[in-house]
């Protein structure tokens, strides 16, 4: 099956919109003091994260998206160290 550039553009646009909404949910969650609202936003964010990952997988399978090279264990450990150190400040 031949995919058009329009298909690729629609998928990439949707991924971009979902990624943007995930950032917005994170900001709203951290700024909300109401537990019910926080929980609702977290549930919506979790569902959107699942959708984003499924769409990403479909885009990758169709060749619409080429992921970055896999990070090495050393790179992962370095980033983990940075975030762990920052979290305890």
C-alpha atoms as a PDB file:
ATOM      1  CA  UNK A   1       0.000   0.000   0.000  1.00  0.00           C
ATOM      2  CA  UNK A   2       1.397   3.380  -0.987  1.00  0.00           C
ATOM      3  CA  UNK A   3       1.266   6.125   1.621  1.00  0.00           C
ATOM      4  CA  UNK A   4       1.033   9.718   0.584  1.00  0.00           C
ATOM      5  CA  UNK A   5       2.944  12.606   2.053  1.00  0.00           C
ATOM      6  CA  UNK A   6      -0.415  13.786   3.359  1.00  0.00           C
ATOM      7  CA  UNK A   7      -0.715  10.593   5.496  1.00  0.00           C
ATOM      8  CA  UNK A   8       2.729  11.185   6.956  1.00  0.00           C
ATOM      9  CA  UNK A   9       1.978  14.867   7.608  1.00  0.00           C
ATOM     10  CA  UNK A  10      -1.309  14.035   9.367  1.00  0.00           C
ATOM     11  CA  UNK A  11       0.375  11.472  11.621  1.00  0.00           C
ATOM     12  CA  UNK A  12       3.259  13.818  12.438  1.00  0.00           C
ATOM     13  CA  UNK A  13       0.849  16.704  13.121  1.00  0.00           C
ATOM     14  CA  UNK A  14      -1.204  14.507  15.435  1.00  0.00           C
ATOM     15  CA  UNK A  15       1.914  13.326  17.265  1.00  0.00           C
ATOM     16  CA  UNK A  16       3.004  16.934  17.666  1.00  0.00           C
ATOM     17  CA  UNK A  17      -0.396  17.982  19.056  1.00  0.00           C
ATOM     18  CA  UNK A  18      -0.503  15.073  21.512  1.00  0.00           C
ATOM     19  CA  UNK A  19       3.048  15.808  22.668  1.00  0.00           C
ATOM     20  CA  UNK A  20       2.085  19.428  23.234  1.00  0.00           C
ATOM     21  CA  UNK A  21      -1.010  18.448  25.208  1.00  0.00           C
ATOM     22  CA  UNK A  22       1.093  16.122  27.386  1.00  0.00           C
ATOM     23  CA  UNK A  23       3.309  19.068  28.288  1.00  0.00           C
ATOM     24  CA  UNK A  24       0.228  21.144  29.126  1.00  0.00           C
ATOM     25  CA  UNK A  25      -1.241  18.359  31.296  1.00  0.00           C
ATOM     26  CA  UNK A  26       2.030  18.105  33.233  1.00  0.00           C
ATOM     27  CA  UNK A  27       2.001  21.847  33.891  1.00  0.00           C
ATOM     28  CA  UNK A  28      -1.650  21.819  34.994  1.00  0.00           C
ATOM     29  CA  UNK A  29      -1.147  18.785  37.236  1.00  0.00           C
ATOM     30  CA  UNK A  30       1.791  20.354  39.060  1.00  0.00           C
ATOM     31  CA  UNK A  31      -0.124  23.608  39.575  1.00  0.00           C
ATOM     32  CA  UNK A  32      -3.373  22.064  40.797  1.00  0.00           C
ATOM     33  CA  UNK A  33      -4.038  21.777  44.518  1.00  0.00           C
ATOM     34  CA  UNK A  34      -7.410  20.030  44.084  1.00  0.00           C
ATOM     35  CA  UNK A  35      -6.844  16.272  44.403  1.00  0.00           C
ATOM     36  CA  UNK A  36      -9.859  15.341  42.253  1.00  0.00           C
ATOM     37  CA  UNK A  37      -8.729  17.647  39.456  1.00  0.00           C
ATOM     38  CA  UNK A  38      -5.140  16.351  39.700  1.00  0.00           C
ATOM     39  CA  UNK A  39      -6.341  12.756  39.509  1.00  0.00           C
ATOM     40  CA  UNK A  40      -8.611  13.480  36.537  1.00  0.00           C
ATOM     41  CA  UNK A  41      -5.823  15.269  34.670  1.00  0.00           C
ATOM     42  CA  UNK A  42      -3.412  12.424  35.446  1.00  0.00           C
ATOM     43  CA  UNK A  43      -5.885   9.884  34.049  1.00  0.00           C
ATOM     44  CA  UNK A  44      -6.346  11.930  30.872  1.00  0.00           C
ATOM     45  CA  UNK A  45      -2.582  12.368  30.555  1.00  0.00           C
ATOM     46  CA  UNK A  46      -2.008   8.627  31.013  1.00  0.00           C
ATOM     47  CA  UNK A  47      -4.554   7.813  28.298  1.00  0.00           C
ATOM     48  CA  UNK A  48      -2.949  10.361  25.961  1.00  0.00           C
ATOM     49  CA  UNK A  49       0.497   8.898  26.664  1.00  0.00           C
ATOM     50  CA  UNK A  50      -0.815   5.465  25.649  1.00  0.00           C
ATOM     51  CA  UNK A  51      -2.362   6.914  22.490  1.00  0.00           C
ATOM     52  CA  UNK A  52       0.852   8.785  21.677  1.00  0.00           C
ATOM     53  CA  UNK A  53       2.916   5.613  22.011  1.00  0.00           C
ATOM     54  CA  UNK A  54       0.531   3.572  19.862  1.00  0.00           C
ATOM     55  CA  UNK A  55       0.526   6.276  17.192  1.00  0.00           C
ATOM     56  CA  UNK A  56       4.326   6.491  17.366  1.00  0.00           C
ATOM     57  CA  UNK A  57       4.583   2.709  16.879  1.00  0.00           C
ATOM     58  CA  UNK A  58       2.244   2.836  13.871  1.00  0.00           C
ATOM     59  CA  UNK A  59       4.185   5.771  12.387  1.00  0.00           C
ATOM     60  CA  UNK A  60       7.472   3.926  12.838  1.00  0.00           C
ATOM     61  CA  UNK A  61       6.085   0.748  11.214  1.00  0.00           C
ATOM     62  CA  UNK A  62       4.879   2.716   8.192  1.00  0.00           C
ATOM     63  CA  UNK A  63       8.233   4.461   7.868  1.00  0.00           C
ATOM     64  CA  UNK A  64       6.765   7.863   8.766  1.00  0.00           C
ATOM     65  CA  UNK A  65       9.116   8.271  11.706  1.00  0.00           C
ATOM     66  CA  UNK A  66      12.715   7.241  12.209  1.00  0.00           C
ATOM     67  CA  UNK A  67      13.678   7.166  15.880  1.00  0.00           C
ATOM     68  CA  UNK A  68      16.988   8.432  17.181  1.00  0.00           C
ATOM     69  CA  UNK A  69      19.773   5.964  17.791  1.00  0.00           C
ATOM     70  CA  UNK A  70      19.362   3.881  20.952  1.00  0.00           C
ATOM     71  CA  UNK A  71      21.021   5.401  24.012  1.00  0.00           C
ATOM     72  CA  UNK A  72      23.855   3.442  25.579  1.00  0.00           C
ATOM     73  CA  UNK A  73      23.624   2.206  29.171  1.00  0.00           C
ATOM     74  CA  UNK A  74      26.314   4.762  30.041  1.00  0.00           C
ATOM     75  CA  UNK A  75      24.185   7.589  28.582  1.00  0.00           C
ATOM     76  CA  UNK A  76      21.120   6.378  30.460  1.00  0.00           C
ATOM     77  CA  UNK A  77      23.039   6.141  33.736  1.00  0.00           C
ATOM     78  CA  UNK A  78      24.478   9.631  33.246  1.00  0.00           C
ATOM     79  CA  UNK A  79      21.023  11.150  32.699  1.00  0.00           C
ATOM     80  CA  UNK A  80      19.628   9.182  35.643  1.00  0.00           C
ATOM     81  CA  UNK A  81      22.426  10.539  37.862  1.00  0.00           C
ATOM     82  CA  UNK A  82      21.722  14.105  36.790  1.00  0.00           C
ATOM     83  CA  UNK A  83      17.996  13.838  37.492  1.00  0.00           C
ATOM     84  CA  UNK A  84      18.505  11.983  40.755  1.00  0.00           C
ATOM     85  CA  UNK A  85      20.965  14.611  41.978  1.00  0.00           C
ATOM     86  CA  UNK A  86      18.647  17.433  40.915  1.00  0.00           C
ATOM     87  CA  UNK A  87      15.628  15.836  42.629  1.00  0.00           C
ATOM     88  CA  UNK A  88      17.402  15.905  45.989  1.00  0.00           C
ATOM     89  CA  UNK A  89      18.363  19.579  45.852  1.00  0.00           C
END
